[in-house]
Structures are given as structure tokens and as C-alpha cells.
Amino acid sequence: MTKAYFSAGCFWGVEYYFKRLKGVTKTTVGFMGGEIENPSYKQVKTGLTGHLETIEVEYNPEVVSYEALVRYFFEIHNFEQADGQGIDIGTQYLSAIWFNNVEERDMAIRIFGELMQMGYHPATQIRQAMTFYPAEDYHQDYLDLQGESPECHVYRRIF
């Protein structure tokens, strides 16, 4: 399996949608990009650690491509919102694609450019992947376990 990393506001909503995508075999919510090792949710939610709420997506590239994951990522959140996602405001809720290699980086940049050509103004950051820290167990599969659906995320077809 291959792993990809995305940040798009509250990780519960991002996980909710990626779990339902054919070819995704596992999702883990957590944090990436900050200054301290193994942060807690309580620390990250202050917005002071530099971490973004992030989802680790394990997928089968024979079923779903990295390109398809990136396109789907843009379709499940408001990538034009610069200060967070929906009512979740703060640096920990920013939109980012975390690339593992130059091919992933170039793919993200190309799709970002397509969105601009379509008239969108993406606020999404394209950043080198860093150490991923899983969130506490009670955050994993949270919306499904609560029988809820996302508040800050909705699927909308763009591509």
C-alpha cells in the first residue's frame, strides 16, 4: 500500500470522505508540520504548535491513482478558504497537500494550476511531507462511530 497526506480543516470530515473512496484501504487522522514531536490534540488545537490536522490515506495505486486522490481532495473541502475550513478557523485547519516525492509535488502543482485556469483561487499549500503523528484513538473514525456526518465538508464535483 501507498500513503498520501492531506490537510483540509477538521480531520474528521476529511477522513469521512476518504474512507468512502474506492481504493482507499485505511485512514488515520493526526498531525503534520509542527515544531514538537508527538503532539496531543489539546496542544494542536491551540494553533501554537505549527501542526495541521492531517489525514494519512493508505491506498492501492492499482485501484486509485495519486492524481485521483488529489482531485478528490479538492472536491471535499473549500480550498479557497485561507484561514481554516468552515467555522474552524486557525492555522491548524489550513488546506495542504503533503508530497512525499517530486512526482507527487508536480502532480499537486499541475492540478492547482488547472483550478486556477478554471477561475478558482486555491489557498491550499503544497508542502514537503514531514513526520506524521497519529491523533489519540478517540479521534479515529470519529464521525462514523458517532453516527454523524461532516459539518465543514461536503462533496462537490469540480473535475
N, C-alpha and C. Protein backbone atom coordinates (compact mmCIF):
# COMPACT_ATOMS: atom_id res chain seq x y z
N MET A 1 0.83 -1.19 0.00
CA MET A 1 0.00 0.00 0.00
C MET A 1 0.87 1.25 0.00
N THR A 2 0.31 2.31 -0.53
CA THR A 2 0.99 3.59 -0.63
C THR A 2 0.28 4.59 0.26
N LYS A 3 1.01 5.58 0.77
CA LYS A 3 0.43 6.57 1.67
C LYS A 3 0.48 7.97 1.06
N ALA A 4 -0.59 8.72 1.30
CA ALA A 4 -0.67 10.12 0.90
C ALA A 4 -1.18 10.92 2.10
N TYR A 5 -0.87 12.21 2.13
CA TYR A 5 -1.23 13.04 3.28
C TYR A 5 -1.91 14.33 2.82
N PHE A 6 -3.04 14.63 3.49
CA PHE A 6 -3.82 15.80 3.14
C PHE A 6 -4.32 16.51 4.40
N SER A 7 -4.37 17.83 4.35
CA SER A 7 -4.96 18.64 5.41
C SER A 7 -6.04 19.50 4.79
N ALA A 8 -7.21 19.50 5.40
CA ALA A 8 -8.33 20.26 4.83
C ALA A 8 -9.31 20.63 5.94
N GLY A 9 -8.80 21.24 7.00
CA GLY A 9 -9.66 21.58 8.12
C GLY A 9 -9.78 20.42 9.09
N CYS A 10 -10.91 20.34 9.74
CA CYS A 10 -11.15 19.29 10.74
C CYS A 10 -10.91 17.92 10.12
N PHE A 11 -10.01 17.15 10.72
CA PHE A 11 -9.65 15.87 10.12
C PHE A 11 -10.77 14.85 10.14
N TRP A 12 -11.78 15.04 10.97
CA TRP A 12 -12.89 14.10 10.99
C TRP A 12 -13.64 14.09 9.66
N GLY A 13 -13.90 15.27 9.11
CA GLY A 13 -14.62 15.36 7.85
C GLY A 13 -13.81 14.83 6.68
N VAL A 14 -12.52 15.12 6.68
CA VAL A 14 -11.65 14.64 5.61
C VAL A 14 -11.60 13.12 5.63
N GLU A 15 -11.46 12.56 6.82
CA GLU A 15 -11.44 11.10 6.96
C GLU A 15 -12.77 10.50 6.48
N TYR A 16 -13.87 11.11 6.86
CA TYR A 16 -15.20 10.63 6.50
C TYR A 16 -15.29 10.39 4.98
N TYR A 17 -14.82 11.36 4.20
CA TYR A 17 -14.93 11.24 2.75
C TYR A 17 -13.88 10.29 2.16
N PHE A 18 -12.64 10.37 2.61
CA PHE A 18 -11.62 9.50 2.04
C PHE A 18 -11.90 8.03 2.34
N LYS A 19 -12.47 7.73 3.50
CA LYS A 19 -12.79 6.34 3.84
C LYS A 19 -13.74 5.72 2.83
N ARG A 20 -14.52 6.53 2.17
CA ARG A 20 -15.55 6.05 1.26
C ARG A 20 -15.09 5.97 -0.20
N LEU A 21 -13.85 6.33 -0.45
CA LEU A 21 -13.33 6.33 -1.81
C LEU A 21 -12.77 4.96 -2.16
N LYS A 22 -13.21 4.42 -3.27
CA LYS A 22 -12.74 3.10 -3.72
C LYS A 22 -11.23 3.14 -3.91
N GLY A 23 -10.56 2.15 -3.36
CA GLY A 23 -9.11 2.05 -3.46
C GLY A 23 -8.39 2.50 -2.20
N VAL A 24 -9.10 3.25 -1.33
CA VAL A 24 -8.52 3.64 -0.05
C VAL A 24 -8.70 2.46 0.91
N THR A 25 -7.61 2.01 1.49
CA THR A 25 -7.65 0.82 2.34
C THR A 25 -7.63 1.15 3.82
N LYS A 26 -7.14 2.33 4.18
CA LYS A 26 -7.08 2.72 5.59
C LYS A 26 -6.89 4.22 5.70
N THR A 27 -7.47 4.80 6.73
CA THR A 27 -7.26 6.22 7.01
C THR A 27 -6.86 6.35 8.48
N THR A 28 -6.01 7.33 8.75
CA THR A 28 -5.61 7.65 10.12
C THR A 28 -5.59 9.17 10.23
N VAL A 29 -6.24 9.71 11.26
CA VAL A 29 -6.20 11.15 11.47
C VAL A 29 -5.06 11.48 12.43
N GLY A 30 -4.46 12.63 12.20
CA GLY A 30 -3.34 13.04 13.04
C GLY A 30 -2.87 14.43 12.70
N PHE A 31 -1.56 14.62 12.85
CA PHE A 31 -0.98 15.96 12.73
C PHE A 31 0.33 15.90 11.96
N MET A 32 0.60 17.00 11.23
CA MET A 32 1.86 17.10 10.49
C MET A 32 2.26 18.57 10.41
N GLY A 33 3.56 18.79 10.38
CA GLY A 33 4.08 20.11 10.07
C GLY A 33 4.53 20.96 11.23
N GLY A 34 4.41 20.50 12.44
CA GLY A 34 4.70 21.35 13.58
C GLY A 34 6.08 21.23 14.16
N GLU A 35 6.25 21.93 15.27
CA GLU A 35 7.55 22.06 15.90
C GLU A 35 7.84 21.03 16.99
N ILE A 36 6.83 20.36 17.52
CA ILE A 36 7.06 19.43 18.62
C ILE A 36 6.72 18.00 18.19
N GLU A 37 7.38 17.05 18.81
CA GLU A 37 7.14 15.65 18.49
C GLU A 37 5.92 15.13 19.22
N ASN A 38 5.16 14.27 18.53
CA ASN A 38 4.01 13.58 19.11
C ASN A 38 3.07 14.50 19.89
N PRO A 39 2.56 15.53 19.23
CA PRO A 39 1.68 16.47 19.94
C PRO A 39 0.33 15.84 20.27
N SER A 40 -0.31 16.38 21.28
CA SER A 40 -1.68 15.96 21.61
C SER A 40 -2.66 16.85 20.86
N TYR A 41 -3.89 16.38 20.76
CA TYR A 41 -4.94 17.20 20.16
C TYR A 41 -5.09 18.51 20.92
N LYS A 42 -5.02 18.44 22.23
CA LYS A 42 -5.16 19.63 23.06
C LYS A 42 -4.08 20.66 22.72
N GLN A 43 -2.86 20.21 22.47
CA GLN A 43 -1.79 21.12 22.09
C GLN A 43 -2.02 21.71 20.70
N VAL A 44 -2.38 20.86 19.74
CA VAL A 44 -2.54 21.31 18.35
C VAL A 44 -3.70 22.29 18.23
N LYS A 45 -4.79 22.04 18.94
CA LYS A 45 -5.97 22.90 18.78
C LYS A 45 -5.73 24.34 19.25
N THR A 46 -4.63 24.59 19.98
CA THR A 46 -4.29 25.97 20.36
C THR A 46 -3.83 26.77 19.15
N GLY A 47 -3.38 26.08 18.10
CA GLY A 47 -2.85 26.76 16.92
C GLY A 47 -1.42 27.23 17.10
N LEU A 48 -0.79 26.86 18.19
CA LEU A 48 0.55 27.36 18.50
C LEU A 48 1.67 26.39 18.17
N THR A 49 1.35 25.14 17.81
CA THR A 49 2.39 24.14 17.59
C THR A 49 2.91 24.12 16.15
N GLY A 50 2.18 24.72 15.23
CA GLY A 50 2.57 24.69 13.82
C GLY A 50 2.04 23.47 13.07
N HIS A 51 1.40 22.55 13.78
CA HIS A 51 0.85 21.37 13.12
C HIS A 51 -0.47 21.69 12.44
N LEU A 52 -0.75 20.96 11.38
CA LEU A 52 -2.06 21.00 10.73
C LEU A 52 -2.75 19.67 11.01
N GLU A 53 -4.06 19.72 11.23
CA GLU A 53 -4.82 18.47 11.31
C GLU A 53 -4.70 17.82 9.94
N THR A 54 -4.26 16.57 9.93
CA THR A 54 -3.88 15.89 8.69
C THR A 54 -4.44 14.49 8.68
N ILE A 55 -4.71 14.00 7.49
CA ILE A 55 -5.14 12.60 7.36
C ILE A 55 -4.10 11.84 6.55
N GLU A 56 -3.78 10.66 7.06
CA GLU A 56 -2.92 9.73 6.33
C GLU A 56 -3.85 8.77 5.58
N VAL A 57 -3.70 8.73 4.28
CA VAL A 57 -4.53 7.89 3.43
C VAL A 57 -3.67 6.76 2.88
N GLU A 58 -3.98 5.53 3.26
CA GLU A 58 -3.33 4.38 2.65
C GLU A 58 -4.22 3.92 1.51
N TYR A 59 -3.60 3.70 0.35
CA TYR A 59 -4.40 3.36 -0.82
C TYR A 59 -3.67 2.37 -1.72
N ASN A 60 -4.47 1.71 -2.54
CA ASN A 60 -3.95 0.77 -3.52
C ASN A 60 -3.84 1.50 -4.85
N PRO A 61 -2.61 1.81 -5.31
CA PRO A 61 -2.45 2.57 -6.55
C PRO A 61 -2.92 1.83 -7.80
N GLU A 62 -3.21 0.54 -7.66
CA GLU A 62 -3.77 -0.20 -8.80
C GLU A 62 -5.27 0.04 -8.92
N VAL A 63 -5.86 0.62 -7.87
CA VAL A 63 -7.30 0.89 -7.86
C VAL A 63 -7.58 2.39 -7.98
N VAL A 64 -6.81 3.20 -7.26
CA VAL A 64 -6.99 4.65 -7.30
C VAL A 64 -5.61 5.30 -7.39
N SER A 65 -5.48 6.25 -8.29
CA SER A 65 -4.19 6.91 -8.50
C SER A 65 -3.99 8.07 -7.53
N TYR A 66 -2.76 8.49 -7.38
CA TYR A 66 -2.47 9.68 -6.56
C TYR A 66 -3.18 10.89 -7.16
N GLU A 67 -3.18 10.99 -8.48
CA GLU A 67 -3.87 12.10 -9.14
C GLU A 67 -5.35 12.12 -8.76
N ALA A 68 -5.99 10.96 -8.75
CA ALA A 68 -7.41 10.89 -8.37
C ALA A 68 -7.61 11.32 -6.92
N LEU A 69 -6.67 10.94 -6.04
CA LEU A 69 -6.77 11.37 -4.64
C LEU A 69 -6.69 12.89 -4.52
N VAL A 70 -5.77 13.50 -5.24
CA VAL A 70 -5.61 14.96 -5.18
C VAL A 70 -6.86 15.65 -5.71
N ARG A 71 -7.39 15.17 -6.81
CA ARG A 71 -8.60 15.77 -7.36
C ARG A 71 -9.77 15.63 -6.37
N TYR A 72 -9.91 14.48 -5.76
CA TYR A 72 -10.96 14.24 -4.77
C TYR A 72 -10.79 15.16 -3.57
N PHE A 73 -9.55 15.31 -3.11
CA PHE A 73 -9.24 16.22 -2.00
C PHE A 73 -9.82 17.61 -2.26
N PHE A 74 -9.62 18.13 -3.46
CA PHE A 74 -10.14 19.46 -3.79
C PHE A 74 -11.67 19.48 -3.84
N GLU A 75 -12.28 18.34 -4.09
CA GLU A 75 -13.74 18.28 -4.20
C GLU A 75 -14.46 18.11 -2.86
N ILE A 76 -13.72 17.87 -1.76
CA ILE A 76 -14.38 17.62 -0.48
C ILE A 76 -14.18 18.74 0.54
N HIS A 77 -13.59 19.86 0.11
CA HIS A 77 -13.45 20.98 1.04
C HIS A 77 -13.36 22.29 0.26
N ASN A 78 -13.48 23.38 0.99
CA ASN A 78 -13.39 24.71 0.38
C ASN A 78 -11.92 25.12 0.34
N PHE A 79 -11.26 24.76 -0.73
CA PHE A 79 -9.82 25.02 -0.88
C PHE A 79 -9.51 26.50 -1.11
N GLU A 80 -10.53 27.33 -1.27
CA GLU A 80 -10.31 28.77 -1.43
C GLU A 80 -10.31 29.50 -0.08
N GLN A 81 -10.74 28.85 0.97
CA GLN A 81 -10.77 29.49 2.29
C GLN A 81 -9.35 29.52 2.85
N ALA A 82 -8.85 30.71 3.15
CA ALA A 82 -7.45 30.89 3.53
C ALA A 82 -7.19 30.77 5.03
N ASP A 83 -8.21 30.84 5.86
CA ASP A 83 -7.98 30.93 7.31
C ASP A 83 -8.45 29.70 8.08
N GLY A 84 -8.79 28.64 7.39
CA GLY A 84 -9.28 27.43 8.05
C GLY A 84 -10.25 26.72 7.14
N GLN A 85 -11.28 26.13 7.75
CA GLN A 85 -12.29 25.40 6.98
C GLN A 85 -13.63 25.56 7.67
N GLY A 86 -14.57 26.20 6.97
CA GLY A 86 -15.89 26.43 7.56
C GLY A 86 -15.76 27.26 8.81
N ILE A 87 -16.37 26.78 9.88
CA ILE A 87 -16.33 27.51 11.15
C ILE A 87 -15.05 27.26 11.93
N ASP A 88 -14.23 26.32 11.47
CA ASP A 88 -12.96 26.01 12.13
C ASP A 88 -11.88 26.95 11.59
N ILE A 89 -11.54 27.95 12.38
CA ILE A 89 -10.59 28.97 11.96
C ILE A 89 -9.30 28.80 12.75
N GLY A 90 -8.18 28.89 12.05
CA GLY A 90 -6.88 28.80 12.70
C GLY A 90 -5.88 28.07 11.84
N THR A 91 -4.61 28.23 12.17
CA THR A 91 -3.55 27.63 11.36
C THR A 91 -3.62 26.10 11.34
N GLN A 92 -4.16 25.49 12.38
CA GLN A 92 -4.24 24.03 12.43
C GLN A 92 -5.27 23.48 11.45
N TYR A 93 -6.09 24.35 10.87
CA TYR A 93 -7.15 23.92 9.95
C TYR A 93 -6.89 24.32 8.49
N LEU A 94 -5.67 24.71 8.18
CA LEU A 94 -5.36 25.13 6.81
C LEU A 94 -5.40 23.96 5.84
N SER A 95 -5.55 24.29 4.57
CA SER A 95 -5.57 23.31 3.49
C SER A 95 -4.15 23.08 2.98
N ALA A 96 -3.74 21.81 2.92
CA ALA A 96 -2.40 21.49 2.42
C ALA A 96 -2.36 20.10 1.81
N ILE A 97 -1.55 19.98 0.78
CA ILE A 97 -1.19 18.68 0.22
C ILE A 97 0.27 18.46 0.62
N TRP A 98 0.53 17.34 1.27
CA TRP A 98 1.88 17.00 1.73
C TRP A 98 2.46 15.98 0.75
N PHE A 99 3.46 16.39 -0.02
CA PHE A 99 4.02 15.48 -1.03
C PHE A 99 5.19 14.69 -0.45
N ASN A 100 5.29 13.43 -0.90
CA ASN A 100 6.37 12.53 -0.49
C ASN A 100 7.55 12.52 -1.45
N ASN A 101 7.32 12.96 -2.68
CA ASN A 101 8.37 12.92 -3.69
C ASN A 101 8.08 13.95 -4.77
N VAL A 102 9.00 14.12 -5.69
CA VAL A 102 8.86 15.15 -6.73
C VAL A 102 7.67 14.87 -7.65
N GLU A 103 7.37 13.60 -7.89
CA GLU A 103 6.22 13.27 -8.75
C GLU A 103 4.92 13.74 -8.11
N GLU A 104 4.77 13.49 -6.81
CA GLU A 104 3.56 13.95 -6.11
C GLU A 104 3.50 15.48 -6.09
N ARG A 105 4.63 16.11 -5.85
CA ARG A 105 4.67 17.58 -5.85
C ARG A 105 4.22 18.14 -7.19
N ASP A 106 4.80 17.60 -8.26
CA ASP A 106 4.48 18.09 -9.60
C ASP A 106 3.01 17.86 -9.94
N MET A 107 2.45 16.73 -9.51
CA MET A 107 1.04 16.44 -9.76
C MET A 107 0.16 17.46 -9.03
N ALA A 108 0.48 17.73 -7.77
CA ALA A 108 -0.29 18.70 -7.00
C ALA A 108 -0.22 20.08 -7.63
N ILE A 109 0.95 20.48 -8.07
CA ILE A 109 1.12 21.79 -8.71
C ILE A 109 0.31 21.86 -10.01
N ARG A 110 0.34 20.78 -10.77
CA ARG A 110 -0.41 20.76 -12.05
C ARG A 110 -1.90 20.92 -11.81
N ILE A 111 -2.45 20.18 -10.83
CA ILE A 111 -3.88 20.27 -10.55
C ILE A 111 -4.24 21.63 -9.95
N PHE A 112 -3.36 22.17 -9.12
CA PHE A 112 -3.53 23.53 -8.59
C PHE A 112 -3.67 24.51 -9.76
N GLY A 113 -2.79 24.35 -10.75
CA GLY A 113 -2.84 25.21 -11.94
C GLY A 113 -4.13 25.04 -12.73
N GLU A 114 -4.63 23.82 -12.83
CA GLU A 114 -5.90 23.58 -13.52
C GLU A 114 -7.03 24.34 -12.82
N LEU A 115 -7.02 24.30 -11.49
CA LEU A 115 -8.06 25.02 -10.73
C LEU A 115 -7.99 26.52 -11.00
N MET A 116 -6.78 27.05 -11.07
CA MET A 116 -6.63 28.48 -11.37
C MET A 116 -7.16 28.80 -12.77
N GLN A 117 -6.89 27.93 -13.72
CA GLN A 117 -7.39 28.13 -15.08
C GLN A 117 -8.92 28.07 -15.13
N MET A 118 -9.51 27.36 -14.18
CA MET A 118 -10.97 27.25 -14.10
C MET A 118 -11.58 28.46 -13.37
N GLY A 119 -10.74 29.37 -12.89
CA GLY A 119 -11.23 30.57 -12.22
C GLY A 119 -11.24 30.51 -10.71
N TYR A 120 -10.73 29.42 -10.15
CA TYR A 120 -10.65 29.30 -8.69
C TYR A 120 -9.39 29.99 -8.17
N HIS A 121 -9.39 30.28 -6.88
CA HIS A 121 -8.25 30.90 -6.21
C HIS A 121 -7.84 30.02 -5.02
N PRO A 122 -7.12 28.92 -5.29
CA PRO A 122 -6.78 27.99 -4.22
C PRO A 122 -5.89 28.62 -3.14
N ALA A 123 -6.23 28.34 -1.90
CA ALA A 123 -5.41 28.75 -0.76
C ALA A 123 -4.59 27.57 -0.25
N THR A 124 -4.72 26.44 -0.89
CA THR A 124 -4.04 25.21 -0.49
C THR A 124 -2.52 25.37 -0.58
N GLN A 125 -1.84 24.93 0.46
CA GLN A 125 -0.38 24.90 0.45
C GLN A 125 0.08 23.56 -0.10
N ILE A 126 1.20 23.56 -0.80
CA ILE A 126 1.81 22.32 -1.28
C ILE A 126 3.14 22.23 -0.55
N ARG A 127 3.24 21.25 0.37
CA ARG A 127 4.38 21.19 1.29
C ARG A 127 5.01 19.80 1.32
N GLN A 128 6.30 19.78 1.58
CA GLN A 128 7.04 18.53 1.76
C GLN A 128 6.49 17.80 2.97
N ALA A 129 6.19 16.52 2.81
CA ALA A 129 5.70 15.72 3.93
C ALA A 129 6.74 15.68 5.04
N MET A 130 6.25 15.70 6.25
CA MET A 130 7.09 15.62 7.43
C MET A 130 6.63 14.41 8.25
N THR A 131 7.10 14.29 9.46
CA THR A 131 6.67 13.19 10.31
C THR A 131 5.19 13.33 10.60
N PHE A 132 4.46 12.24 10.42
CA PHE A 132 3.03 12.20 10.71
C PHE A 132 2.84 11.62 12.10
N TYR A 133 2.06 12.32 12.93
CA TYR A 133 1.78 11.86 14.29
C TYR A 133 0.29 11.53 14.39
N PRO A 134 -0.06 10.27 14.59
CA PRO A 134 -1.48 9.91 14.74
C PRO A 134 -2.09 10.61 15.95
N ALA A 135 -3.34 11.01 15.80
CA ALA A 135 -4.09 11.59 16.91
C ALA A 135 -4.51 10.49 17.87
N GLU A 136 -5.00 10.88 19.01
CA GLU A 136 -5.47 9.93 20.02
C GLU A 136 -6.54 9.02 19.42
N ASP A 137 -6.65 7.82 19.98
CA ASP A 137 -7.57 6.80 19.46
C ASP A 137 -9.00 7.30 19.32
N TYR A 138 -9.48 8.11 20.25
CA TYR A 138 -10.88 8.53 20.20
C TYR A 138 -11.19 9.42 19.00
N HIS A 139 -10.15 9.92 18.31
CA HIS A 139 -10.37 10.72 17.10
C HIS A 139 -10.51 9.86 15.84
N GLN A 140 -10.04 8.63 15.89
CA GLN A 140 -10.05 7.76 14.71
C GLN A 140 -11.49 7.31 14.42
N ASP A 141 -11.90 7.46 13.16
CA ASP A 141 -13.26 7.05 12.72
C ASP A 141 -14.35 7.76 13.54
N TYR A 142 -14.06 8.95 14.01
CA TYR A 142 -14.93 9.64 14.96
C TYR A 142 -16.37 9.82 14.45
N LEU A 143 -16.53 10.38 13.27
CA LEU A 143 -17.89 10.66 12.79
C LEU A 143 -18.69 9.39 12.58
N ASP A 144 -18.05 8.36 12.05
CA ASP A 144 -18.77 7.10 11.85
C ASP A 144 -19.18 6.50 13.19
N LEU A 145 -18.30 6.54 14.17
CA LEU A 145 -18.62 5.97 15.48
C LEU A 145 -19.73 6.76 16.18
N GLN A 146 -19.81 8.06 15.89
CA GLN A 146 -20.85 8.90 16.48
C GLN A 146 -22.15 8.87 15.67
N GLY A 147 -22.10 8.26 14.49
CA GLY A 147 -23.27 8.24 13.61
C GLY A 147 -23.57 9.62 13.03
N GLU A 148 -22.52 10.41 12.82
CA GLU A 148 -22.67 11.78 12.34
C GLU A 148 -22.05 11.92 10.95
N SER A 149 -22.35 13.05 10.33
CA SER A 149 -21.73 13.40 9.05
C SER A 149 -20.99 14.72 9.23
N PRO A 150 -20.10 15.06 8.29
CA PRO A 150 -19.27 16.26 8.43
C PRO A 150 -20.08 17.55 8.47
N GLU A 151 -19.61 18.51 9.26
CA GLU A 151 -20.21 19.84 9.32
C GLU A 151 -19.50 20.81 8.39
N CYS A 152 -18.20 20.65 8.24
CA CYS A 152 -17.41 21.61 7.47
C CYS A 152 -16.99 21.10 6.10
N HIS A 153 -17.43 19.93 5.73
CA HIS A 153 -17.02 19.34 4.45
C HIS A 153 -18.24 18.83 3.71
N VAL A 154 -18.20 18.99 2.41
CA VAL A 154 -19.25 18.47 1.55
C VAL A 154 -18.60 18.15 0.18
N TYR A 155 -19.05 17.08 -0.42
CA TYR A 155 -18.52 16.72 -1.73
C TYR A 155 -19.19 17.58 -2.80
N ARG A 156 -18.38 18.14 -3.68
CA ARG A 156 -18.90 18.86 -4.86
C ARG A 156 -18.00 18.56 -6.03
N ARG A 157 -18.61 18.09 -7.10
CA ARG A 157 -17.84 17.71 -8.29
C ARG A 157 -17.26 18.95 -8.97
N ILE A 158 -15.97 18.91 -9.23
CA ILE A 158 -15.29 20.00 -9.91
C ILE A 158 -14.69 19.53 -11.22
N PHE A 159 -14.08 18.36 -11.19
CA PHE A 159 -13.34 17.86 -12.37
C PHE A 159 -14.20 16.93 -13.21
